[in-house]
Amino acid sequence: MKVPFADERKGYTRAFQRLVLELSRYMTIRGIAHYLGVSWDLVKKIYKRSLQKHDRFPN
């Protein structure tokens, strides 16, 4: 089922992605994962995709 607030290839919403990226301004990846109750890998993946999107991280 397609919903307007989530990318069908990801297991999280755009709002969750924005929250992770906002928290990354103040917390470590590990801290964000613990605070949100998700895996460290998920937070890292979101952060890395954001950096790649803005050409700040090589593929």
Protein backbone atom coordinates (compact mmCIF):
# COMPACT_ATOMS: atom_id res chain seq x y z
CA MET A 1 0.00 0.00 0.00
CA LYS A 2 1.44 3.35 -1.03
CA VAL A 3 1.18 6.18 1.49
CA PRO A 4 2.24 9.78 0.83
CA PHE A 5 4.39 10.16 3.94
CA ALA A 6 6.74 7.20 3.37
CA ASP A 7 9.09 6.04 0.64
CA GLU A 8 8.06 2.52 -0.35
CA ARG A 9 11.68 1.32 -0.38
CA LYS A 10 12.34 2.31 3.22
CA GLY A 11 11.04 0.96 6.50
CA TYR A 12 10.51 4.38 8.07
CA THR A 13 8.63 7.60 7.36
CA ARG A 14 10.03 10.91 6.18
CA ALA A 15 9.08 12.40 9.55
CA PHE A 16 11.19 9.77 11.32
CA GLN A 17 14.08 10.53 8.95
CA ARG A 18 13.79 14.26 9.73
CA LEU A 19 13.75 13.50 13.46
CA VAL A 20 16.91 11.39 13.20
CA LEU A 21 18.68 14.11 11.20
CA GLU A 22 17.59 16.84 13.63
CA LEU A 23 18.80 14.80 16.61
CA SER A 24 22.12 14.20 14.83
CA ARG A 25 22.88 17.88 15.38
CA TYR A 26 22.97 17.23 19.13
CA MET A 27 23.63 13.52 19.69
CA THR A 28 25.83 10.69 18.49
CA ILE A 29 24.50 7.94 16.23
CA ARG A 30 24.57 5.56 19.18
CA GLY A 31 22.74 8.06 21.38
CA ILE A 32 20.01 8.61 18.79
CA ALA A 33 19.54 4.86 18.35
CA HIS A 34 19.22 4.36 22.10
CA TYR A 35 16.86 7.34 22.52
CA LEU A 36 14.57 6.19 19.69
CA GLY A 37 14.82 2.47 20.45
CA VAL A 38 16.09 1.53 17.00
CA SER A 39 19.26 -0.10 15.71
CA TRP A 40 22.51 1.79 15.36
CA ASP A 41 22.63 0.59 11.75
CA LEU A 42 19.30 2.23 10.88
CA VAL A 43 20.39 5.59 12.25
CA LYS A 44 23.73 5.32 10.46
CA LYS A 45 21.99 4.42 7.18
CA ILE A 46 19.66 7.45 7.42
CA TYR A 47 22.57 9.78 8.23
CA LYS A 48 24.77 8.35 5.47
CA ARG A 49 22.01 8.68 2.85
CA SER A 50 21.55 12.31 3.84
CA LEU A 51 25.26 13.00 3.45
CA GLN A 52 25.33 11.26 0.06
CA LYS A 53 22.29 13.22 -1.10
CA HIS A 54 24.10 16.47 -0.36
CA ASP A 55 27.42 15.23 -1.84
CA ARG A 56 29.20 15.23 1.51
CA PHE A 57 29.98 11.53 1.59
CA PRO A 58 31.41 9.35 -1.20
CA ASN A 59 29.37 6.37 -2.44
